[in-house]
Amino acid sequence: MTDIEVKMISVVDALLRQKVRSGGEFSDGELMDIEIAGLHLDSLEKMELIMEIEDACGVLLDEESVLKCRKIKDLVGLVEQTV
Protein backbone atom coordinates (compact mmCIF):
# COMPACT_ATOMS: atom_id res chain seq x y z
CA MET A 1 0.00 0.00 0.00
CA THR A 2 1.38 3.41 -0.98
CA ASP A 3 1.75 6.38 1.34
CA ILE A 4 -0.98 8.19 -0.60
CA GLU A 5 -3.36 5.26 -0.22
CA VAL A 6 -2.76 5.22 3.54
CA LYS A 7 -3.43 8.97 3.79
CA MET A 8 -6.57 8.73 1.64
CA ILE A 9 -7.92 5.82 3.67
CA SER A 10 -7.36 7.83 6.84
CA VAL A 11 -9.25 10.85 5.45
CA VAL A 12 -12.17 8.81 4.10
CA ASP A 13 -12.39 6.66 7.24
CA ALA A 14 -12.59 9.81 9.39
CA LEU A 15 -15.30 11.22 7.13
CA LEU A 16 -17.35 8.03 7.30
CA ARG A 17 -17.05 7.83 11.06
CA GLN A 18 -18.23 11.43 11.34
CA LYS A 19 -21.02 11.20 8.76
CA VAL A 20 -22.38 7.72 9.34
CA ARG A 21 -21.71 7.40 13.06
CA SER A 22 -22.81 3.79 12.78
CA GLY A 23 -19.61 2.35 14.14
CA GLY A 24 -19.35 0.12 11.07
CA GLU A 25 -15.86 -0.93 10.18
CA PHE A 26 -14.59 -1.01 6.61
CA SER A 27 -11.51 -2.79 5.35
CA ASP A 28 -9.01 -0.74 3.37
CA GLY A 29 -10.20 -2.44 0.18
CA GLU A 30 -13.82 -1.62 0.95
CA LEU A 31 -12.93 2.02 1.55
CA MET A 32 -11.10 2.23 -1.78
CA ASP A 33 -14.14 0.83 -3.63
CA ILE A 34 -16.69 3.20 -2.09
CA GLU A 35 -18.65 5.17 -4.66
CA ILE A 36 -18.25 8.88 -3.91
CA ALA A 37 -21.89 9.51 -4.85
CA GLY A 38 -22.85 6.85 -2.30
CA LEU A 39 -21.45 9.00 0.49
CA HIS A 40 -24.36 11.42 -0.02
CA LEU A 41 -22.20 14.46 0.62
CA ASP A 42 -23.60 17.92 0.18
CA SER A 43 -21.50 20.49 -1.67
CA LEU A 44 -19.83 21.78 1.50
CA GLU A 45 -18.94 18.26 2.65
CA LYS A 46 -17.47 17.49 -0.80
CA MET A 47 -15.30 20.61 -0.60
CA GLU A 48 -14.19 19.66 2.91
CA LEU A 49 -13.28 16.15 1.71
CA ILE A 50 -11.22 17.52 -1.16
CA MET A 51 -9.49 20.03 1.11
CA GLU A 52 -8.69 17.28 3.64
CA ILE A 53 -7.23 15.15 0.85
CA GLU A 54 -5.19 18.08 -0.48
CA ASP A 55 -3.86 18.88 2.99
CA ALA A 56 -3.07 15.26 3.86
CA CYS A 57 -1.29 14.58 0.58
CA GLY A 58 0.27 17.99 -0.04
CA VAL A 59 -1.35 18.52 -3.44
CA LEU A 60 -3.72 20.91 -5.19
CA LEU A 61 -6.34 19.02 -7.19
CA ASP A 62 -8.00 20.20 -10.39
CA GLU A 63 -11.75 20.50 -9.74
CA GLU A 64 -12.71 19.18 -13.17
CA SER A 65 -10.55 16.09 -12.67
CA VAL A 66 -12.00 15.52 -9.19
CA LEU A 67 -15.55 15.59 -10.61
CA LYS A 68 -14.64 12.75 -12.98
CA CYS A 69 -13.70 10.46 -10.08
CA ARG A 70 -16.38 7.88 -9.27
CA LYS A 71 -14.69 5.93 -6.49
CA ILE A 72 -12.22 6.69 -3.75
CA LYS A 73 -9.59 4.67 -5.62
CA ASP A 74 -10.10 7.04 -8.58
CA LEU A 75 -9.23 9.94 -6.26
CA VAL A 76 -6.14 8.05 -5.14
CA GLY A 77 -5.08 7.70 -8.75
CA LEU A 78 -5.64 11.40 -9.35
CA VAL A 79 -3.57 12.33 -6.30
CA GLU A 80 -0.79 9.96 -7.37
CA GLN A 81 -0.72 11.60 -10.83
CA THR A 82 -0.57 15.04 -9.20
CA VAL A 83 2.34 14.25 -6.87
C-alpha atoms as a PDB file:
ATOM      1  CA  MET A   1       0.000   0.000   0.000  1.00  0.00           C
ATOM      2  CA  THR A   2       1.378   3.406  -0.976  1.00  0.00           C
ATOM      3  CA  ASP A   3       1.747   6.377   1.338  1.00  0.00           C
ATOM      4  CA  ILE A   4      -0.982   8.186  -0.604  1.00  0.00           C
ATOM      5  CA  GLU A   5      -3.362   5.259  -0.217  1.00  0.00           C
ATOM      6  CA  VAL A   6      -2.758   5.224   3.537  1.00  0.00           C
ATOM      7  CA  LYS A   7      -3.425   8.974   3.786  1.00  0.00           C
ATOM      8  CA  MET A   8      -6.572   8.728   1.643  1.00  0.00           C
ATOM      9  CA  ILE A   9      -7.919   5.819   3.669  1.00  0.00           C
ATOM     10  CA  SER A  10      -7.364   7.827   6.843  1.00  0.00           C
ATOM     11  CA  VAL A  11      -9.247  10.848   5.450  1.00  0.00           C
ATOM     12  CA  VAL A  12     -12.167   8.806   4.105  1.00  0.00           C
ATOM     13  CA  ASP A  13     -12.387   6.665   7.242  1.00  0.00           C
ATOM     14  CA  ALA A  14     -12.591   9.805   9.394  1.00  0.00           C
ATOM     15  CA  LEU A  15     -15.299  11.221   7.128  1.00  0.00           C
ATOM     16  CA  LEU A  16     -17.346   8.034   7.296  1.00  0.00           C
ATOM     17  CA  ARG A  17     -17.050   7.831  11.065  1.00  0.00           C
ATOM     18  CA  GLN A  18     -18.235  11.431  11.344  1.00  0.00           C
ATOM     19  CA  LYS A  19     -21.020  11.199   8.762  1.00  0.00           C
ATOM     20  CA  VAL A  20     -22.377   7.725   9.336  1.00  0.00           C
ATOM     21  CA  ARG A  21     -21.708   7.400  13.062  1.00  0.00           C
ATOM     22  CA  SER A  22     -22.807   3.794  12.779  1.00  0.00           C
ATOM     23  CA  GLY A  23     -19.610   2.347  14.142  1.00  0.00           C
ATOM     24  CA  GLY A  24     -19.352   0.123  11.068  1.00  0.00           C
ATOM     25  CA  GLU A  25     -15.862  -0.927  10.176  1.00  0.00           C
ATOM     26  CA  PHE A  26     -14.592  -1.013   6.614  1.00  0.00           C
ATOM     27  CA  SER A  27     -11.513  -2.794   5.350  1.00  0.00           C
ATOM     28  CA  ASP A  28      -9.012  -0.737   3.367  1.00  0.00           C
ATOM     29  CA  GLY A  29     -10.199  -2.437   0.177  1.00  0.00           C
ATOM     30  CA  GLU A  30     -13.821  -1.617   0.954  1.00  0.00           C
ATOM     31  CA  LEU A  31     -12.926   2.023   1.549  1.00  0.00           C
ATOM     32  CA  MET A  32     -11.105   2.231  -1.775  1.00  0.00           C
ATOM     33  CA  ASP A  33     -14.137   0.826  -3.626  1.00  0.00           C
ATOM     34  CA  ILE A  34     -16.691   3.195  -2.093  1.00  0.00           C
ATOM     35  CA  GLU A  35     -18.647   5.175  -4.664  1.00  0.00           C
ATOM     36  CA  ILE A  36     -18.249   8.876  -3.909  1.00  0.00           C
ATOM     37  CA  ALA A  37     -21.894   9.513  -4.848  1.00  0.00           C
ATOM     38  CA  GLY A  38     -22.853   6.849  -2.301  1.00  0.00           C
ATOM     39  CA  LEU A  39     -21.449   9.002   0.488  1.00  0.00           C
ATOM     40  CA  HIS A  40     -24.365  11.416  -0.017  1.00  0.00           C
ATOM     41  CA  LEU A  41     -22.200  14.457   0.624  1.00  0.00           C
ATOM     42  CA  ASP A  42     -23.601  17.922   0.184  1.00  0.00           C
ATOM     43  CA  SER A  43     -21.496  20.488  -1.672  1.00  0.00           C
ATOM     44  CA  LEU A  44     -19.832  21.777   1.503  1.00  0.00           C
ATOM     45  CA  GLU A  45     -18.939  18.263   2.648  1.00  0.00           C
ATOM     46  CA  LYS A  46     -17.468  17.494  -0.795  1.00  0.00           C
ATOM     47  CA  MET A  47     -15.302  20.608  -0.602  1.00  0.00           C
ATOM     48  CA  GLU A  48     -14.190  19.658   2.909  1.00  0.00           C
ATOM     49  CA  LEU A  49     -13.282  16.152   1.713  1.00  0.00           C
ATOM     50  CA  ILE A  50     -11.216  17.522  -1.164  1.00  0.00           C
ATOM     51  CA  MET A  51      -9.495  20.035   1.115  1.00  0.00           C
ATOM     52  CA  GLU A  52      -8.691  17.276   3.641  1.00  0.00           C
ATOM     53  CA  ILE A  53      -7.227  15.148   0.849  1.00  0.00           C
ATOM     54  CA  GLU A  54      -5.190  18.076  -0.483  1.00  0.00           C
ATOM     55  CA  ASP A  55      -3.863  18.877   2.994  1.00  0.00           C
ATOM     56  CA  ALA A  56      -3.070  15.259   3.863  1.00  0.00           C
ATOM     57  CA  CYS A  57      -1.290  14.582   0.578  1.00  0.00           C
ATOM     58  CA  GLY A  58       0.270  17.994  -0.038  1.00  0.00           C
ATOM     59  CA  VAL A  59      -1.353  18.516  -3.444  1.00  0.00           C
ATOM     60  CA  LEU A  60      -3.717  20.905  -5.187  1.00  0.00           C
ATOM     61  CA  LEU A  61      -6.337  19.022  -7.194  1.00  0.00           C
ATOM     62  CA  ASP A  62      -8.000  20.205 -10.386  1.00  0.00           C
ATOM     63  CA  GLU A  63     -11.751  20.504  -9.741  1.00  0.00           C
ATOM     64  CA  GLU A  64     -12.710  19.181 -13.171  1.00  0.00           C
ATOM     65  CA  SER A  65     -10.555  16.090 -12.666  1.00  0.00           C
ATOM     66  CA  VAL A  66     -12.004  15.517  -9.191  1.00  0.00           C
ATOM     67  CA  LEU A  67     -15.551  15.594 -10.605  1.00  0.00           C
ATOM     68  CA  LYS A  68     -14.639  12.748 -12.982  1.00  0.00           C
ATOM     69  CA  CYS A  69     -13.703  10.458 -10.080  1.00  0.00           C
ATOM     70  CA  ARG A  70     -16.383   7.883  -9.270  1.00  0.00           C
ATOM     71  CA  LYS A  71     -14.691   5.926  -6.493  1.00  0.00           C
ATOM     72  CA  ILE A  72     -12.216   6.694  -3.750  1.00  0.00           C
ATOM     73  CA  LYS A  73      -9.595   4.672  -5.622  1.00  0.00           C
ATOM     74  CA  ASP A  74     -10.099   7.045  -8.583  1.00  0.00           C
ATOM     75  CA  LEU A  75      -9.235   9.942  -6.259  1.00  0.00           C
ATOM     76  CA  VAL A  76      -6.141   8.048  -5.140  1.00  0.00           C
ATOM     77  CA  GLY A  77      -5.084   7.699  -8.755  1.00  0.00           C
ATOM     78  CA  LEU A  78      -5.642  11.402  -9.348  1.00  0.00           C
ATOM     79  CA  VAL A  79      -3.567  12.329  -6.298  1.00  0.00           C
ATOM     80  CA  GLU A  80      -0.789   9.957  -7.375  1.00  0.00           C
ATOM     81  CA  GLN A  81      -0.725  11.604 -10.834  1.00  0.00           C
ATOM     82  CA  THR A  82      -0.565  15.044  -9.203  1.00  0.00           C
ATOM     83  CA  VAL A  83       2.340  14.254  -6.871  1.00  0.00           C
END
